[in-house]
PDB file of N, CA and C in Angstrom:
ATOM      1  N   MET A   1     129.559 103.605  87.735  1.00  0.00           N
ATOM      2  CA  MET A   1     128.285 102.925  87.595  1.00  0.00           C
ATOM      3  C   MET A   1     127.311 103.475  88.635  1.00  0.00           C
ATOM      4  N   SER A   2     126.073 103.584  88.255  1.00  0.00           N
ATOM      5  CA  SER A   2     125.027 104.093  89.122  1.00  0.00           C
ATOM      6  C   SER A   2     124.696 103.092  90.235  1.00  0.00           C
ATOM      7  N   VAL A   3     124.293 103.620  91.383  1.00  0.00           N
ATOM      8  CA  VAL A   3     123.851 102.743  92.473  1.00  0.00           C
ATOM      9  C   VAL A   3     122.406 102.308  92.275  1.00  0.00           C
ATOM     10  N   GLU A   4     121.688 102.960  91.355  1.00  0.00           N
ATOM     11  CA  GLU A   4     120.275 102.641  91.138  1.00  0.00           C
ATOM     12  C   GLU A   4     120.084 101.187  90.769  1.00  0.00           C
ATOM     13  N   GLY A   5     118.994 100.625  91.266  1.00  0.00           N
ATOM     14  CA  GLY A   5     118.655  99.258  90.915  1.00  0.00           C
ATOM     15  C   GLY A   5     118.042  98.524  92.080  1.00  0.00           C
ATOM     16  N   THR A   6     117.780  97.253  91.849  1.00  0.00           N
ATOM     17  CA  THR A   6     117.222  96.377  92.871  1.00  0.00           C
ATOM     18  C   THR A   6     118.250  95.303  93.188  1.00  0.00           C
ATOM     19  N   TYR A   7     118.440  95.058  94.470  1.00  0.00           N
ATOM     20  CA  TYR A   7     119.472  94.141  94.943  1.00  0.00           C
ATOM     21  C   TYR A   7     118.868  93.082  95.852  1.00  0.00           C
ATOM     22  N   LYS A   8     119.327  91.864  95.706  1.00  0.00           N
ATOM     23  CA  LYS A   8     119.019  90.807  96.669  1.00  0.00           C
ATOM     24  C   LYS A   8     120.128  90.902  97.712  1.00  0.00           C
ATOM     25  N   ILE A   9     119.746  91.173  98.973  1.00  0.00           N
ATOM     26  CA  ILE A   9     120.751  91.401 100.011  1.00  0.00           C
ATOM     27  C   ILE A   9     120.611  90.411 101.161  1.00  0.00           C
ATOM     28  N   THR A  10     121.729  90.230 101.858  1.00  0.00           N
ATOM     29  CA  THR A  10     121.762  89.484 103.109  1.00  0.00           C
ATOM     30  C   THR A  10     122.302  90.426 104.172  1.00  0.00           C
ATOM     31  N   VAL A  11     121.517  90.606 105.233  1.00  0.00           N
ATOM     32  CA  VAL A  11     121.919  91.445 106.357  1.00  0.00           C
ATOM     33  C   VAL A  11     122.369  90.508 107.470  1.00  0.00           C
ATOM     34  N   LYS A  12     123.625  90.624 107.880  1.00  0.00           N
ATOM     35  CA  LYS A  12     124.178  89.758 108.926  1.00  0.00           C
ATOM     36  C   LYS A  12     123.941  90.420 110.279  1.00  0.00           C
ATOM     37  N   THR A  13     122.795  90.086 110.904  1.00  0.00           N
ATOM     38  CA  THR A  13     122.365  90.722 112.147  1.00  0.00           C
ATOM     39  C   THR A  13     122.779  89.887 113.355  1.00  0.00           C
ATOM     40  N   PRO A  14     122.688  90.478 114.564  1.00  0.00           N
ATOM     41  CA  PRO A  14     122.953  89.699 115.779  1.00  0.00           C
ATOM     42  C   PRO A  14     121.989  88.515 115.936  1.00  0.00           C
ATOM     43  N   LEU A  15     120.832  88.562 115.251  1.00  0.00           N
ATOM     44  CA  LEU A  15     119.848  87.483 115.316  1.00  0.00           C
ATOM     45  C   LEU A  15     120.028  86.471 114.182  1.00  0.00           C
ATOM     46  N   GLY A  16     121.113  86.585 113.432  1.00  0.00           N
ATOM     47  CA  GLY A  16     121.364  85.707 112.302  1.00  0.00           C
ATOM     48  C   GLY A  16     121.131  86.425 110.988  1.00  0.00           C
ATOM     49  N   PRO A  17     121.492  85.786 109.870  1.00  0.00           N
ATOM     50  CA  PRO A  17     121.339  86.430 108.560  1.00  0.00           C
ATOM     51  C   PRO A  17     119.871  86.619 108.190  1.00  0.00           C
ATOM     52  N   GLN A  18     119.566  87.788 107.625  1.00  0.00           N
ATOM     53  CA  GLN A  18     118.214  88.116 107.189  1.00  0.00           C
ATOM     54  C   GLN A  18     118.270  88.454 105.699  1.00  0.00           C
ATOM     55  N   GLU A  19     117.411  87.814 104.902  1.00  0.00           N
ATOM     56  CA  GLU A  19     117.340  88.069 103.470  1.00  0.00           C
ATOM     57  C   GLU A  19     116.351  89.205 103.212  1.00  0.00           C
ATOM     58  N   ALA A  20     116.649  90.029 102.213  1.00  0.00           N
ATOM     59  CA  ALA A  20     115.763  91.135 101.862  1.00  0.00           C
ATOM     60  C   ALA A  20     116.019  91.561 100.425  1.00  0.00           C
ATOM     61  N   GLN A  21     115.153  92.441  99.951  1.00  0.00           N
ATOM     62  CA  GLN A  21     115.337  93.055  98.646  1.00  0.00           C
ATOM     63  C   GLN A  21     115.415  94.563  98.856  1.00  0.00           C
ATOM     64  N   LEU A  22     116.458  95.176  98.328  1.00  0.00           N
ATOM     65  CA  LEU A  22     116.698  96.610  98.468  1.00  0.00           C
ATOM     66  C   LEU A  22     116.585  97.262  97.103  1.00  0.00           C
ATOM     67  N   THR A  23     115.776  98.310  97.006  1.00  0.00           N
ATOM     68  CA  THR A  23     115.659  99.077  95.770  1.00  0.00           C
ATOM     69  C   THR A  23     116.167 100.482  96.040  1.00  0.00           C
ATOM     70  N   LEU A  24     117.098 100.940  95.199  1.00  0.00           N
ATOM     71  CA  LEU A  24     117.674 102.275  95.321  1.00  0.00           C
ATOM     72  C   LEU A  24     117.306 103.103  94.092  1.00  0.00           C
ATOM     73  N   ARG A  25     116.815 104.339  94.325  1.00  0.00           N
ATOM     74  CA  ARG A  25     116.499 105.277  93.252  1.00  0.00           C
ATOM     75  C   ARG A  25     117.187 106.604  93.567  1.00  0.00           C
ATOM     76  N   SER A  26     117.851 107.164  92.574  1.00  0.00           N
ATOM     77  CA  SER A  26     118.520 108.441  92.805  1.00  0.00           C
ATOM     78  C   SER A  26     118.015 109.492  91.833  1.00  0.00           C
ATOM     79  N   GLU A  27     118.012 110.718  92.324  1.00  0.00           N
ATOM     80  CA  GLU A  27     117.693 111.881  91.512  1.00  0.00           C
ATOM     81  C   GLU A  27     118.731 112.927  91.875  1.00  0.00           C
ATOM     82  N   GLY A  28     119.736 113.080  91.020  1.00  0.00           N
ATOM     83  CA  GLY A  28     120.879 113.906  91.371  1.00  0.00           C
ATOM     84  C   GLY A  28     121.612 113.239  92.511  1.00  0.00           C
ATOM     85  N   SER A  29     121.824 113.956  93.611  1.00  0.00           N
ATOM     86  CA  SER A  29     122.511 113.370  94.769  1.00  0.00           C
ATOM     87  C   SER A  29     121.528 112.858  95.830  1.00  0.00           C
ATOM     88  N   ALA A  30     120.209 112.960  95.554  1.00  0.00           N
ATOM     89  CA  ALA A  30     119.196 112.492  96.508  1.00  0.00           C
ATOM     90  C   ALA A  30     118.907 111.011  96.265  1.00  0.00           C
ATOM     91  N   LEU A  31     118.721 110.268  97.367  1.00  0.00           N
ATOM     92  CA  LEU A  31     118.486 108.831  97.283  1.00  0.00           C
ATOM     93  C   LEU A  31     117.211 108.462  98.029  1.00  0.00           C
ATOM     94  N   SER A  32     116.404 107.603  97.413  1.00  0.00           N
ATOM     95  CA  SER A  32     115.206 107.050  98.048  1.00  0.00           C
ATOM     96  C   SER A  32     115.105 105.597  97.615  1.00  0.00           C
ATOM     97  N   GLY A  33     114.107 104.898  98.159  1.00  0.00           N
ATOM     98  CA  GLY A  33     113.919 103.515  97.765  1.00  0.00           C
ATOM     99  C   GLY A  33     113.110 102.740  98.770  1.00  0.00           C
ATOM    100  N   SER A  34     113.351 101.424  98.809  1.00  0.00           N
ATOM    101  CA  SER A  34     112.600 100.568  99.722  1.00  0.00           C
ATOM    102  C   SER A  34     113.420  99.344 100.103  1.00  0.00           C
ATOM    103  N   ILE A  35     113.066  98.789 101.257  1.00  0.00           N
ATOM    104  CA  ILE A  35     113.620  97.523 101.724  1.00  0.00           C
ATOM    105  C   ILE A  35     112.425  96.612 101.984  1.00  0.00           C
ATOM    106  N   GLU A  36     112.459  95.417 101.396  1.00  0.00           N
ATOM    107  CA  GLU A  36     111.361  94.483 101.571  1.00  0.00           C
ATOM    108  C   GLU A  36     111.906  93.153 102.080  1.00  0.00           C
ATOM    109  N   ASN A  37     111.315  92.678 103.196  1.00  0.00           N
ATOM    110  CA  ASN A  37     111.698  91.384 103.750  1.00  0.00           C
ATOM    111  C   ASN A  37     110.429  90.625 104.128  1.00  0.00           C
ATOM    112  N   VAL A  38     110.579  89.498 104.806  1.00  0.00           N
ATOM    113  CA  VAL A  38     109.402  88.683 105.146  1.00  0.00           C
ATOM    114  C   VAL A  38     108.438  89.424 106.079  1.00  0.00           C
ATOM    115  N   LYS A  39     108.897  90.455 106.766  1.00  0.00           N
ATOM    116  CA  LYS A  39     108.052  91.227 107.682  1.00  0.00           C
ATOM    117  C   LYS A  39     107.334  92.384 106.995  1.00  0.00           C
ATOM    118  N   GLY A  40     107.663  92.669 105.723  1.00  0.00           N
ATOM    119  CA  GLY A  40     106.987  93.744 105.014  1.00  0.00           C
ATOM    120  C   GLY A  40     107.938  94.648 104.274  1.00  0.00           C
ATOM    121  N   ARG A  41     107.368  95.714 103.750  1.00  0.00           N
ATOM    122  CA  ARG A  41     108.125  96.681 102.957  1.00  0.00           C
ATOM    123  C   ARG A  41     108.248  97.987 103.730  1.00  0.00           C
ATOM    124  N   SER A  42     109.455  98.575 103.684  1.00  0.00           N
ATOM    125  CA  SER A  42     109.707  99.866 104.319  1.00  0.00           C
ATOM    126  C   SER A  42     110.289 100.802 103.262  1.00  0.00           C
ATOM    127  N   ASP A  43     109.573 101.892 102.974  1.00  0.00           N
ATOM    128  CA  ASP A  43     110.074 102.895 102.043  1.00  0.00           C
ATOM    129  C   ASP A  43     110.940 103.887 102.806  1.00  0.00           C
ATOM    130  N   PHE A  44     111.919 104.470 102.104  1.00  0.00           N
ATOM    131  CA  PHE A  44     112.763 105.493 102.732  1.00  0.00           C
ATOM    132  C   PHE A  44     113.041 106.610 101.737  1.00  0.00           C
ATOM    133  N   SER A  45     113.412 107.755 102.284  1.00  0.00           N
ATOM    134  CA  SER A  45     113.853 108.904 101.498  1.00  0.00           C
ATOM    135  C   SER A  45     114.845 109.654 102.369  1.00  0.00           C
ATOM    136  N   GLY A  46     115.403 110.721 101.840  1.00  0.00           N
ATOM    137  CA  GLY A  46     116.339 111.511 102.630  1.00  0.00           C
ATOM    138  C   GLY A  46     117.751 110.982 102.606  1.00  0.00           C
ATOM    139  N   GLY A  47     118.029 110.066 101.684  1.00  0.00           N
ATOM    140  CA  GLY A  47     119.382 109.540 101.556  1.00  0.00           C
ATOM    141  C   GLY A  47     120.198 110.371 100.578  1.00  0.00           C
ATOM    142  N   SER A  48     121.461 109.995 100.437  1.00  0.00           N
ATOM    143  CA  SER A  48     122.331 110.705  99.502  1.00  0.00           C
ATOM    144  C   SER A  48     123.193 109.704  98.745  1.00  0.00           C
ATOM    145  N   VAL A  49     123.615 110.126  97.562  1.00  0.00           N
ATOM    146  CA  VAL A  49     124.490 109.310  96.734  1.00  0.00           C
ATOM    147  C   VAL A  49     125.598 110.202  96.195  1.00  0.00           C
ATOM    148  N   ASP A  50     126.818 109.659  96.164  1.00  0.00           N
ATOM    149  CA  ASP A  50     127.976 110.362  95.635  1.00  0.00           C
ATOM    150  C   ASP A  50     128.797 109.344  94.848  1.00  0.00           C
ATOM    151  N   GLY A  51     128.636 109.360  93.536  1.00  0.00           N
ATOM    152  CA  GLY A  51     129.319 108.363  92.705  1.00  0.00           C
ATOM    153  C   GLY A  51     128.744 106.987  92.986  1.00  0.00           C
ATOM    154  N   ASN A  52     129.603 106.059  93.434  1.00  0.00           N
ATOM    155  CA  ASN A  52     129.133 104.702  93.732  1.00  0.00           C
ATOM    156  C   ASN A  52     128.881 104.492  95.224  1.00  0.00           C
ATOM    157  N   GLU A  53     128.919 105.570  96.019  1.00  0.00           N
ATOM    158  CA  GLU A  53     128.679 105.474  97.463  1.00  0.00           C
ATOM    159  C   GLU A  53     127.310 106.041  97.811  1.00  0.00           C
ATOM    160  N   PHE A  54     126.675 105.450  98.824  1.00  0.00           N
ATOM    161  CA  PHE A  54     125.341 105.880  99.223  1.00  0.00           C
ATOM    162  C   PHE A  54     125.208 105.846 100.741  1.00  0.00           C
ATOM    163  N   ARG A  55     124.169 106.549 101.208  1.00  0.00           N
ATOM    164  CA  ARG A  55     123.857 106.617 102.643  1.00  0.00           C
ATOM    165  C   ARG A  55     122.376 106.952 102.773  1.00  0.00           C
ATOM    166  N   PHE A  56     121.679 106.258 103.705  1.00  0.00           N
ATOM    167  CA  PHE A  56     120.276 106.593 103.935  1.00  0.00           C
ATOM    168  C   PHE A  56     119.827 106.088 105.303  1.00  0.00           C
ATOM    169  N   PRO A  57     118.843 106.796 105.901  1.00  0.00           N
ATOM    170  CA  PRO A  57     118.209 106.328 107.136  1.00  0.00           C
ATOM    171  C   PRO A  57     116.952 105.535 106.779  1.00  0.00           C
ATOM    172  N   ALA A  58     116.613 104.541 107.588  1.00  0.00           N
ATOM    173  CA  ALA A  58     115.403 103.759 107.327  1.00  0.00           C
ATOM    174  C   ALA A  58     114.833 103.202 108.627  1.00  0.00           C
ATOM    175  N   ARG A  59     113.525 102.952 108.612  1.00  0.00           N
ATOM    176  CA  ARG A  59     112.853 102.204 109.685  1.00  0.00           C
ATOM    177  C   ARG A  59     112.472 100.876 109.067  1.00  0.00           C
ATOM    178  N   ILE A  60     113.047  99.811 109.583  1.00  0.00           N
ATOM    179  CA  ILE A  60     112.931  98.493 108.975  1.00  0.00           C
ATOM    180  C   ILE A  60     112.125  97.562 109.867  1.00  0.00           C
ATOM    181  N   SER A  61     111.247  96.792 109.251  1.00  0.00           N
ATOM    182  CA  SER A  61     110.497  95.765 109.973  1.00  0.00           C
ATOM    183  C   SER A  61     111.405  94.560 110.185  1.00  0.00           C
ATOM    184  N   THR A  62     111.508  94.116 111.446  1.00  0.00           N
ATOM    185  CA  THR A  62     112.372  92.996 111.792  1.00  0.00           C
ATOM    186  C   THR A  62     111.609  92.015 112.679  1.00  0.00           C
ATOM    187  N   PRO A  63     112.193  90.852 112.970  1.00  0.00           N
ATOM    188  CA  PRO A  63     111.536  89.910 113.880  1.00  0.00           C
ATOM    189  C   PRO A  63     111.272  90.489 115.283  1.00  0.00           C
ATOM    190  N   ILE A  64     112.007  91.538 115.670  1.00  0.00           N
ATOM    191  CA  ILE A  64     111.804  92.134 116.999  1.00  0.00           C
ATOM    192  C   ILE A  64     111.029  93.452 116.932  1.00  0.00           C
ATOM    193  N   GLY A  65     110.432  93.756 115.764  1.00  0.00           N
ATOM    194  CA  GLY A  65     109.680  94.993 115.583  1.00  0.00           C
ATOM    195  C   GLY A  65     110.376  95.938 114.628  1.00  0.00           C
ATOM    196  N   ARG A  66     109.825  97.146 114.482  1.00  0.00           N
ATOM    197  CA  ARG A  66     110.434  98.150 113.587  1.00  0.00           C
ATOM    198  C   ARG A  66     111.584  98.823 114.300  1.00  0.00           C
ATOM    199  N   ILE A  67     112.724  98.897 113.619  1.00  0.00           N
ATOM    200  CA  ILE A  67     113.904  99.533 114.195  1.00  0.00           C
ATOM    201  C   ILE A  67     114.464 100.571 113.226  1.00  0.00           C
ATOM    202  N   HIS A  68     115.213 101.521 113.774  1.00  0.00           N
ATOM    203  CA  HIS A  68     115.880 102.538 112.966  1.00  0.00           C
ATOM    204  C   HIS A  68     117.247 102.013 112.553  1.00  0.00           C
ATOM    205  N   ALA A  69     117.619 102.264 111.301  1.00  0.00           N
ATOM    206  CA  ALA A  69     118.938 101.879 110.796  1.00  0.00           C
ATOM    207  C   ALA A  69     119.515 103.027 109.984  1.00  0.00           C
ATOM    208  N   ASP A  70     120.803 103.291 110.166  1.00  0.00           N
ATOM    209  CA  ASP A  70     121.540 104.215 109.311  1.00  0.00           C
ATOM    210  C   ASP A  70     122.447 103.348 108.447  1.00  0.00           C
ATOM    211  N   ILE A  71     122.192 103.354 107.141  1.00  0.00           N
ATOM    212  CA  ILE A  71     122.863 102.448 106.215  1.00  0.00           C
ATOM    213  C   ILE A  71     123.779 103.243 105.296  1.00  0.00           C
ATOM    214  N   ALA A  72     125.005 102.752 105.137  1.00  0.00           N
ATOM    215  CA  ALA A  72     125.974 103.389 104.252  1.00  0.00           C
ATOM    216  C   ALA A  72     126.759 102.299 103.535  1.00  0.00           C
ATOM    217  N   GLY A  73     127.060 102.548 102.268  1.00  0.00           N
ATOM    218  CA  GLY A  73     127.819 101.553 101.527  1.00  0.00           C
ATOM    219  C   GLY A  73     128.195 102.027 100.146  1.00  0.00           C
ATOM    220  N   ARG A  74     128.523 101.045  99.298  1.00  0.00           N
ATOM    221  CA  ARG A  74     128.948 101.349  97.938  1.00  0.00           C
ATOM    222  C   ARG A  74     128.535 100.197  97.019  1.00  0.00           C
ATOM    223  N   VAL A  75     128.525 100.507  95.733  1.00  0.00           N
ATOM    224  CA  VAL A  75     128.237  99.512  94.709  1.00  0.00           C
ATOM    225  C   VAL A  75     129.468  99.395  93.828  1.00  0.00           C
ATOM    226  N   GLU A  76     129.945  98.171  93.658  1.00  0.00           N
ATOM    227  CA  GLU A  76     131.075  97.887  92.770  1.00  0.00           C
ATOM    228  C   GLU A  76     130.582  96.904  91.726  1.00  0.00           C
ATOM    229  N   ASP A  77     130.510  97.346  90.462  1.00  0.00           N
ATOM    230  CA  ASP A  77     129.889  96.573  89.388  1.00  0.00           C
ATOM    231  C   ASP A  77     128.458  96.254  89.811  1.00  0.00           C
ATOM    232  N   ASP A  78     128.101  94.998  89.988  1.00  0.00           N
ATOM    233  CA  ASP A  78     126.744  94.648  90.413  1.00  0.00           C
ATOM    234  C   ASP A  78     126.709  94.149  91.847  1.00  0.00           C
ATOM    235  N   ARG A  79     127.754  94.438  92.611  1.00  0.00           N
ATOM    236  CA  ARG A  79     127.868  93.964  93.993  1.00  0.00           C
ATOM    237  C   ARG A  79     127.688  95.137  94.959  1.00  0.00           C
ATOM    238  N   LEU A  80     126.843  94.950  95.974  1.00  0.00           N
ATOM    239  CA  LEU A  80     126.594  95.968  96.988  1.00  0.00           C
ATOM    240  C   LEU A  80     127.253  95.532  98.292  1.00  0.00           C
ATOM    241  N   ILE A  81     127.988  96.456  98.901  1.00  0.00           N
ATOM    242  CA  ILE A  81     128.643  96.219 100.186  1.00  0.00           C
ATOM    243  C   ILE A  81     128.290  97.394 101.084  1.00  0.00           C
ATOM    244  N   ALA A  82     127.724  97.100 102.258  1.00  0.00           N
ATOM    245  CA  ALA A  82     127.280  98.182 103.137  1.00  0.00           C
ATOM    246  C   ALA A  82     127.311  97.734 104.585  1.00  0.00           C
ATOM    247  N   SER A  83     127.034  98.687 105.469  1.00  0.00           N
ATOM    248  CA  SER A  83     126.855  98.365 106.880  1.00  0.00           C
ATOM    249  C   SER A  83     125.689  99.196 107.399  1.00  0.00           C
ATOM    250  N   ALA A  84     125.026  98.641 108.400  1.00  0.00           N
ATOM    251  CA  ALA A  84     123.873  99.307 109.004  1.00  0.00           C
ATOM    252  C   ALA A  84     124.147  99.500 110.489  1.00  0.00           C
ATOM    253  N   LYS A  85     124.044 100.745 110.946  1.00  0.00           N
ATOM    254  CA  LYS A  85     124.118 101.014 112.380  1.00  0.00           C
ATOM    255  C   LYS A  85     122.725 100.795 112.940  1.00  0.00           C
ATOM    256  N   LEU A  86     122.600  99.829 113.848  1.00  0.00           N
ATOM    257  CA  LEU A  86     121.328  99.429 114.434  1.00  0.00           C
ATOM    258  C   LEU A  86     121.348  99.680 115.937  1.00  0.00           C
ATOM    259  N   PRO A  87     120.191  99.690 116.597  1.00  0.00           N
ATOM    260  CA  PRO A  87     120.174  99.865 118.044  1.00  0.00           C
ATOM    261  C   PRO A  87     120.991  98.799 118.782  1.00  0.00           C
ATOM    262  N   LEU A  88     121.105  97.599 118.202  1.00  0.00           N
ATOM    263  CA  LEU A  88     121.836  96.508 118.858  1.00  0.00           C
ATOM    264  C   LEU A  88     123.265  96.352 118.351  1.00  0.00           C
ATOM    265  N   GLY A  89     123.760  97.301 117.584  1.00  0.00           N
ATOM    266  CA  GLY A  89     125.121  97.197 117.045  1.00  0.00           C
ATOM    267  C   GLY A  89     125.134  97.454 115.552  1.00  0.00           C
ATOM    268  N   THR A  90     126.161  96.930 114.899  1.00  0.00           N
ATOM    269  CA  THR A  90     126.345  97.132 113.468  1.00  0.00           C
ATOM    270  C   THR A  90     126.157  95.814 112.734  1.00  0.00           C
ATOM    271  N   ALA A  91     125.508  95.875 111.586  1.00  0.00           N
ATOM    272  CA  ALA A  91     125.295  94.688 110.759  1.00  0.00           C
ATOM    273  C   ALA A  91     125.927  94.911 109.393  1.00  0.00           C
ATOM    274  N   LYS A  92     126.601  93.904 108.879  1.00  0.00           N
ATOM    275  CA  LYS A  92     127.153  93.957 107.534  1.00  0.00           C
ATOM    276  C   LYS A  92     126.070  93.555 106.544  1.00  0.00           C
ATOM    277  N   ILE A  93     126.105  94.202 105.373  1.00  0.00           N
ATOM    278  CA  ILE A  93     125.140  93.919 104.313  1.00  0.00           C
ATOM    279  C   ILE A  93     125.911  93.615 103.041  1.00  0.00           C
ATOM    280  N   GLU A  94     125.536  92.528 102.390  1.00  0.00           N
ATOM    281  CA  GLU A  94     126.115  92.180 101.094  1.00  0.00           C
ATOM    282  C   GLU A  94     124.979  91.857 100.153  1.00  0.00           C
ATOM    283  N   GLY A  95     125.149  92.185  98.868  1.00  0.00           N
ATOM    284  CA  GLY A  95     124.102  91.880  97.924  1.00  0.00           C
ATOM    285  C   GLY A  95     124.566  91.944  96.496  1.00  0.00           C
ATOM    286  N   VAL A  96     123.673  91.518  95.596  1.00  0.00           N
ATOM    287  CA  VAL A  96     123.938  91.566  94.164  1.00  0.00           C
ATOM    288  C   VAL A  96     122.734  92.168  93.468  1.00  0.00           C
ATOM    289  N   ARG A  97     123.012  92.916  92.401  1.00  0.00           N
ATOM    290  CA  ARG A  97     121.952  93.534  91.611  1.00  0.00           C
ATOM    291  C   ARG A  97     121.180  92.427  90.877  1.00  0.00           C
ATOM    292  N   ILE A  98     119.846  92.536  90.897  1.00  0.00           N
ATOM    293  CA  ILE A  98     119.036  91.534  90.207  1.00  0.00           C
ATOM    294  C   ILE A  98     118.275  92.174  89.052  1.00  0.00           C
TER     295      ILE A  98
END
């Protein structure tokens, strides 16, 4: 199954759970998209996809300002499971395709 789509996600951060919407678009093995939360929308490109696994870098708007995140994960059916390497540690991400 393709990773493409829009997902309602929960990011489990050191500051508590954060809700967001993640959109993934692929063209061959290239991945781009956006993350939108209450602080705004952040577009990204330069990611990669291999089957149901994905990886991308992003600058995300958060309650403490814009931060860099390296996000990697997979899609199983309509469920997204990922982790984000953040300046303050690692955050787990879970979501469902909407």
